Amino acid sequence: MVQPLNQFNDERGWLSELWRLDEADVPSVMCYASMTHAGMARGPHEHVHQTDVFIFLTGRWRVRLWDNRVGSITHLAVMDVEIGDYRLNPPVRIVVPPGVVHAYAKSGHQDGLVLNFPDKLYRGAGKQEPPDEIRHEGNKTYSMEGMP
């Protein structure tokens, strides 16, 4: 799910509701922020059990999603999403279910901020479990090359 978020502007700036229990199908159990330098990418990887709920707050982004879910009506489909500058467009929420490989790259010349509200604790309670990640860096099948 890719959803532009409402942005309420006034003379002070803007406000956007990033996550609401009554609007998202994913109950979050934690939140983290990451800053990505301009021109850098994160991923690609996928989760076996975890759903990610990304909020792209600042700047321009390229996001690529690959559906690896056997039995899904979009199995093996690739989805490219371009997110515009928050000063011109509202922030965007992207929900990535388990089995969907995902990667994103920061476009433009400024660093960018992303929040994630996953539905599973990273490495489980007390960080005692292995990470729920299947890494795909270096796998040409999941390259962001050729993406606008």
Protein backbone atom coordinates (compact mmCIF):
# COMPACT_ATOMS: atom_id res chain seq x y z
CA MET A 1 0.00 0.00 0.00
CA VAL A 2 1.34 3.43 -0.99
CA GLN A 3 -0.57 6.31 0.53
CA PRO A 4 0.09 10.07 0.45
CA LEU A 5 -0.60 11.46 3.91
CA ASN A 6 -2.72 14.51 4.66
CA GLN A 7 -0.59 17.57 5.24
CA PHE A 8 -2.01 20.56 7.08
CA ASN A 9 -0.17 23.79 6.33
CA ASP A 10 -0.27 27.17 8.03
CA GLU A 11 2.08 30.08 8.63
CA ARG A 12 4.12 28.02 11.14
CA GLY A 13 4.83 25.13 8.77
CA TRP A 14 3.00 21.81 8.40
CA LEU A 15 1.60 18.89 10.41
CA SER A 16 0.92 15.38 9.14
CA GLU A 17 -0.61 12.43 10.98
CA LEU A 18 1.92 9.69 10.27
CA TRP A 19 0.23 6.68 11.79
CA ARG A 20 -3.19 6.09 13.29
CA LEU A 21 -4.52 2.78 14.57
CA ASP A 22 -7.86 3.46 12.86
CA GLU A 23 -6.21 4.01 9.44
CA ALA A 24 -3.49 1.36 9.27
CA ASP A 25 -3.97 -2.38 9.12
CA VAL A 26 -0.65 -2.93 10.89
CA PRO A 27 -0.37 -2.56 14.66
CA SER A 28 3.08 -1.15 15.33
CA VAL A 29 5.21 -2.45 18.19
CA MET A 30 8.17 -0.11 17.76
CA CYS A 31 9.36 2.87 15.76
CA TYR A 32 12.75 3.86 14.45
CA ALA A 33 14.12 6.73 12.41
CA SER A 34 16.86 6.54 9.83
CA MET A 35 18.69 9.25 7.97
CA THR A 36 19.97 8.37 4.50
CA HIS A 37 22.62 10.42 2.75
CA ALA A 38 21.87 11.80 -0.72
CA GLY A 39 22.66 9.26 -3.42
CA MET A 40 22.72 6.29 -1.00
CA ALA A 41 20.40 3.24 -0.94
CA ARG A 42 19.13 0.89 1.75
CA GLY A 43 18.24 -2.72 0.94
CA PRO A 44 17.17 -4.72 -0.86
CA HIS A 45 15.90 -7.17 1.71
CA GLU A 46 12.69 -8.88 2.76
CA HIS A 47 11.15 -10.19 5.94
CA VAL A 48 9.59 -13.59 6.58
CA HIS A 49 7.20 -12.39 9.30
CA GLN A 50 7.53 -8.61 9.69
CA THR A 51 5.47 -5.91 8.00
CA ASP A 52 7.19 -2.52 7.63
CA VAL A 53 5.27 0.75 7.66
CA PHE A 54 7.64 3.35 6.22
CA ILE A 55 7.00 7.09 6.41
CA PHE A 56 9.16 9.06 3.98
CA LEU A 57 9.32 12.47 5.64
CA THR A 58 11.81 14.67 3.88
CA GLY A 59 13.15 14.99 0.37
CA ARG A 60 12.90 12.94 -2.80
CA TRP A 61 13.09 9.13 -2.84
CA ARG A 62 13.06 6.16 -5.19
CA VAL A 63 11.46 3.00 -3.79
CA ARG A 64 11.39 -0.39 -5.49
CA LEU A 65 9.25 -3.33 -4.33
CA TRP A 66 9.40 -6.93 -5.65
CA ASP A 67 6.58 -9.31 -4.73
CA ASN A 68 8.10 -12.69 -3.76
CA ARG A 69 4.88 -13.97 -2.13
CA VAL A 70 3.98 -17.28 -3.78
CA GLY A 71 0.24 -17.32 -4.41
CA SER A 72 -0.09 -13.53 -4.43
CA ILE A 73 -2.00 -12.06 -7.38
CA THR A 74 1.00 -9.79 -7.91
CA HIS A 75 3.65 -12.54 -7.48
CA LEU A 76 6.94 -11.49 -9.16
CA ALA A 77 5.60 -8.02 -9.96
CA VAL A 78 7.94 -5.06 -9.52
CA MET A 79 6.59 -1.72 -8.30
CA ASP A 80 8.56 1.52 -8.55
CA VAL A 81 7.52 4.52 -6.49
CA GLU A 82 8.92 8.02 -6.73
CA ILE A 83 8.33 10.28 -3.76
CA GLY A 84 8.54 14.02 -4.24
CA ASP A 85 9.93 16.72 -2.05
CA TYR A 86 7.86 17.20 1.12
CA ARG A 87 7.75 20.96 0.52
CA LEU A 88 5.70 20.32 -2.62
CA ASN A 89 4.01 17.02 -1.71
CA PRO A 90 2.81 15.52 1.58
CA PRO A 91 4.79 12.74 3.28
CA VAL A 92 4.07 9.21 2.03
CA ARG A 93 3.34 6.00 3.93
CA ILE A 94 4.30 2.67 2.32
CA VAL A 95 3.19 -0.61 3.92
CA VAL A 96 5.46 -3.54 2.95
CA PRO A 97 4.13 -6.97 3.95
CA PRO A 98 6.29 -10.05 4.60
CA GLY A 99 7.69 -11.58 1.42
CA VAL A 100 7.97 -8.31 -0.48
CA VAL A 101 11.57 -7.37 -1.20
CA HIS A 102 12.14 -3.65 -0.72
CA ALA A 103 14.84 -1.08 -1.26
CA TYR A 104 14.93 2.69 -1.30
CA ALA A 105 17.40 5.33 -2.39
CA LYS A 106 17.68 9.00 -1.52
CA SER A 107 17.42 11.18 -4.63
CA GLY A 108 18.51 14.77 -4.92
CA HIS A 109 21.28 16.56 -3.04
CA GLN A 110 19.98 16.58 0.54
CA ASP A 111 19.94 13.85 3.18
CA GLY A 112 16.50 12.42 3.97
CA LEU A 113 14.58 11.15 6.97
CA VAL A 114 12.50 7.95 7.10
CA LEU A 115 10.49 6.51 9.98
CA ASN A 116 9.48 2.85 10.26
CA PHE A 117 6.66 1.47 12.41
CA PRO A 118 7.16 -2.32 12.06
CA ASP A 119 4.76 -4.85 13.55
CA LYS A 120 7.58 -6.99 15.04
CA LEU A 121 10.37 -6.12 17.46
CA TYR A 122 13.79 -6.08 15.82
CA ARG A 123 15.50 -9.33 16.93
CA GLY A 124 12.53 -10.09 19.21
CA ALA A 125 12.02 -9.30 22.89
CA GLY A 126 15.33 -8.35 24.48
CA LYS A 127 17.01 -8.64 21.07
CA GLN A 128 17.55 -12.38 21.66
CA GLU A 129 16.43 -13.69 18.23
CA PRO A 130 18.13 -13.60 14.83
CA PRO A 131 17.01 -10.72 12.59
CA ASP A 132 13.97 -11.46 10.43
CA GLU A 133 15.75 -10.46 7.24
CA ILE A 134 16.69 -12.08 3.97
CA ARG A 135 19.36 -9.82 2.48
CA HIS A 136 19.62 -9.38 -1.29
CA GLU A 137 22.46 -6.89 -1.70
CA GLY A 138 24.47 -7.81 -4.79
CA ASN A 139 21.64 -9.88 -6.30
CA LYS A 140 21.03 -8.46 -9.79
CA THR A 141 17.41 -9.66 -9.69
CA TYR A 142 16.76 -7.01 -7.03
CA SER A 143 18.84 -4.19 -8.46
CA MET A 144 17.60 -0.61 -8.43
CA GLU A 145 19.55 0.03 -11.62
CA GLY A 146 17.49 1.38 -14.48
CA MET A 147 15.02 2.95 -12.11
CA PRO A 148 14.34 6.62 -12.89
